């Protein structure tokens, strides 16, 4: 399933990714993670919410990426994002 998710950043994608591109990638991701191609009625709301959240995170990622050598910076936030605390994922348990 995830093989159909394509790279959405330049220079792989010549233009900026459309909302349709981002939604399709988010849908494929949620399908893969959930194991459902289409959710049952009782799971539809949470499934659609997950697709929307993944699409939003994908848009923020693409908007924040700086692609070197492309001649244009895509970063809109003006600088580095806040650093992740060192304890996250360090494997050190206190």
C-alpha atoms as a PDB file:
ATOM      1  CA  UNK A   1       0.000   0.000   0.000  1.00  0.00           C
ATOM      2  CA  UNK A   2       2.608   2.598   1.008  1.00  0.00           C
ATOM      3  CA  UNK A   3       4.486   2.102  -2.228  1.00  0.00           C
ATOM      4  CA  UNK A   4       1.982   4.462  -3.799  1.00  0.00           C
ATOM      5  CA  UNK A   5       3.033   7.309  -1.494  1.00  0.00           C
ATOM      6  CA  UNK A   6       5.278   9.513  -3.574  1.00  0.00           C
ATOM      7  CA  UNK A   7       7.882  12.019  -2.474  1.00  0.00           C
ATOM      8  CA  UNK A   8       6.164  15.394  -2.230  1.00  0.00           C
ATOM      9  CA  UNK A   9       9.120  17.772  -2.081  1.00  0.00           C
ATOM     10  CA  UNK A  10      11.216  19.370  -4.765  1.00  0.00           C
ATOM     11  CA  UNK A  11      13.200  18.442  -6.735  1.00  0.00           C
ATOM     12  CA  UNK A  12      11.417  15.066  -6.876  1.00  0.00           C
ATOM     13  CA  UNK A  13       8.068  16.794  -7.374  1.00  0.00           C
ATOM     14  CA  UNK A  14       8.665  19.665  -9.814  1.00  0.00           C
ATOM     15  CA  UNK A  15       5.955  21.920  -8.346  1.00  0.00           C
ATOM     16  CA  UNK A  16       4.679  22.388  -4.826  1.00  0.00           C
ATOM     17  CA  UNK A  17       2.542  19.491  -3.621  1.00  0.00           C
ATOM     18  CA  UNK A  18      -1.181  20.093  -3.965  1.00  0.00           C
ATOM     19  CA  UNK A  19      -3.676  19.478  -1.194  1.00  0.00           C
ATOM     20  CA  UNK A  20      -4.881  16.467  -3.228  1.00  0.00           C
ATOM     21  CA  UNK A  21      -1.326  15.051  -3.280  1.00  0.00           C
ATOM     22  CA  UNK A  22      -1.009  15.518   0.468  1.00  0.00           C
ATOM     23  CA  UNK A  23      -4.444  14.024   1.198  1.00  0.00           C
ATOM     24  CA  UNK A  24      -3.719  10.974  -0.976  1.00  0.00           C
ATOM     25  CA  UNK A  25      -0.428  10.344   0.843  1.00  0.00           C
ATOM     26  CA  UNK A  26      -2.104  10.787   4.239  1.00  0.00           C
ATOM     27  CA  UNK A  27      -4.897   8.397   3.262  1.00  0.00           C
ATOM     28  CA  UNK A  28      -2.408   5.736   2.157  1.00  0.00           C
ATOM     29  CA  UNK A  29      -0.472   6.126   5.416  1.00  0.00           C
ATOM     30  CA  UNK A  30      -3.597   5.767   7.584  1.00  0.00           C
ATOM     31  CA  UNK A  31      -4.753   2.780   5.522  1.00  0.00           C
ATOM     32  CA  UNK A  32      -1.396   1.073   6.031  1.00  0.00           C
ATOM     33  CA  UNK A  33      -1.173   1.784   9.751  1.00  0.00           C
ATOM     34  CA  UNK A  34      -4.795   0.844  10.485  1.00  0.00           C
ATOM     35  CA  UNK A  35      -4.894  -2.176   8.186  1.00  0.00           C
ATOM     36  CA  UNK A  36      -8.195  -0.985   6.707  1.00  0.00           C
ATOM     37  CA  UNK A  37      -8.677   0.103   3.118  1.00  0.00           C
ATOM     38  CA  UNK A  38     -12.023   1.604   4.080  1.00  0.00           C
ATOM     39  CA  UNK A  39     -13.160   1.817   7.700  1.00  0.00           C
ATOM     40  CA  UNK A  40     -16.394   0.358   9.014  1.00  0.00           C
ATOM     41  CA  UNK A  41     -19.064   2.900   9.895  1.00  0.00           C
ATOM     42  CA  UNK A  42     -18.155   2.809  13.593  1.00  0.00           C
ATOM     43  CA  UNK A  43     -14.507   3.684  12.786  1.00  0.00           C
ATOM     44  CA  UNK A  44     -15.117   6.235  10.027  1.00  0.00           C
ATOM     45  CA  UNK A  45     -14.862   9.360  12.200  1.00  0.00           C
ATOM     46  CA  UNK A  46     -11.565   8.395  13.824  1.00  0.00           C
ATOM     47  CA  UNK A  47     -10.181   7.233  10.467  1.00  0.00           C
ATOM     48  CA  UNK A  48     -11.067  10.508   8.726  1.00  0.00           C
ATOM     49  CA  UNK A  49      -9.720  12.529  11.660  1.00  0.00           C
ATOM     50  CA  UNK A  50      -6.424  10.632  11.426  1.00  0.00           C
ATOM     51  CA  UNK A  51      -6.202  11.349   7.688  1.00  0.00           C
ATOM     52  CA  UNK A  52      -6.787  15.068   8.347  1.00  0.00           C
ATOM     53  CA  UNK A  53      -4.169  15.161  11.117  1.00  0.00           C
ATOM     54  CA  UNK A  54      -1.557  13.350   9.013  1.00  0.00           C
ATOM     55  CA  UNK A  55      -2.312  15.676   6.080  1.00  0.00           C
ATOM     56  CA  UNK A  56      -1.878  18.705   8.349  1.00  0.00           C
ATOM     57  CA  UNK A  57       1.417  17.393   9.705  1.00  0.00           C
ATOM     58  CA  UNK A  58       2.582  16.691   6.161  1.00  0.00           C
ATOM     59  CA  UNK A  59       1.725  20.232   5.018  1.00  0.00           C
ATOM     60  CA  UNK A  60       3.605  21.712   8.006  1.00  0.00           C
ATOM     61  CA  UNK A  61       6.594  19.478   7.251  1.00  0.00           C
ATOM     62  CA  UNK A  62       6.701  20.456   3.585  1.00  0.00           C
ATOM     63  CA  UNK A  63       6.244  24.143   4.411  1.00  0.00           C
ATOM     64  CA  UNK A  64       9.122  24.010   6.878  1.00  0.00           C
ATOM     65  CA  UNK A  65      11.643  22.091   4.792  1.00  0.00           C
ATOM     66  CA  UNK A  66      14.607  23.896   3.339  1.00  0.00           C
ATOM     67  CA  UNK A  67      15.667  22.164   0.149  1.00  0.00           C
ATOM     68  CA  UNK A  68      19.314  22.855  -0.550  1.00  0.00           C
ATOM     69  CA  UNK A  69      20.371  23.433  -4.116  1.00  0.00           C
ATOM     70  CA  UNK A  70      16.864  24.178  -5.304  1.00  0.00           C
ATOM     71  CA  UNK A  71      17.432  27.929  -5.409  1.00  0.00           C
ATOM     72  CA  UNK A  72      14.422  28.562  -3.191  1.00  0.00           C
ATOM     73  CA  UNK A  73      13.943  28.042   0.494  1.00  0.00           C
ATOM     74  CA  UNK A  74      10.542  26.668   1.370  1.00  0.00           C
ATOM     75  CA  UNK A  75      10.899  27.518   5.025  1.00  0.00           C
ATOM     76  CA  UNK A  76       8.177  29.924   6.099  1.00  0.00           C
ATOM     77  CA  UNK A  77       8.817  30.053   9.839  1.00  0.00           C
ATOM     78  CA  UNK A  78      12.042  32.022   9.567  1.00  0.00           C
ATOM     79  CA  UNK A  79      14.651  29.891  11.240  1.00  0.00           C
ATOM     80  CA  UNK A  80      15.199  26.562  12.851  1.00  0.00           C
ATOM     81  CA  UNK A  81      12.273  24.887  14.553  1.00  0.00           C
ATOM     82  CA  UNK A  82      12.511  24.510  18.293  1.00  0.00           C
ATOM     83  CA  UNK A  83      15.011  21.852  19.275  1.00  0.00           C
ATOM     84  CA  UNK A  84      13.722  18.533  20.555  1.00  0.00           C
ATOM     85  CA  UNK A  85      14.684  17.995  24.213  1.00  0.00           C
ATOM     86  CA  UNK A  86      17.731  15.755  24.541  1.00  0.00           C
ATOM     87  CA  UNK A  87      15.862  13.277  26.735  1.00  0.00           C
ATOM     88  CA  UNK A  88      13.409  12.415  23.983  1.00  0.00           C
ATOM     89  CA  UNK A  89      14.520   9.247  22.272  1.00  0.00           C
ATOM     90  CA  UNK A  90      17.911   9.227  23.943  1.00  0.00           C
ATOM     91  CA  UNK A  91      17.324   5.825  25.458  1.00  0.00           C
ATOM     92  CA  UNK A  92      18.427   7.010  28.910  1.00  0.00           C
ATOM     93  CA  UNK A  93      15.932   6.025  31.523  1.00  0.00           C
ATOM     94  CA  UNK A  94      16.132   7.990  34.758  1.00  0.00           C
END
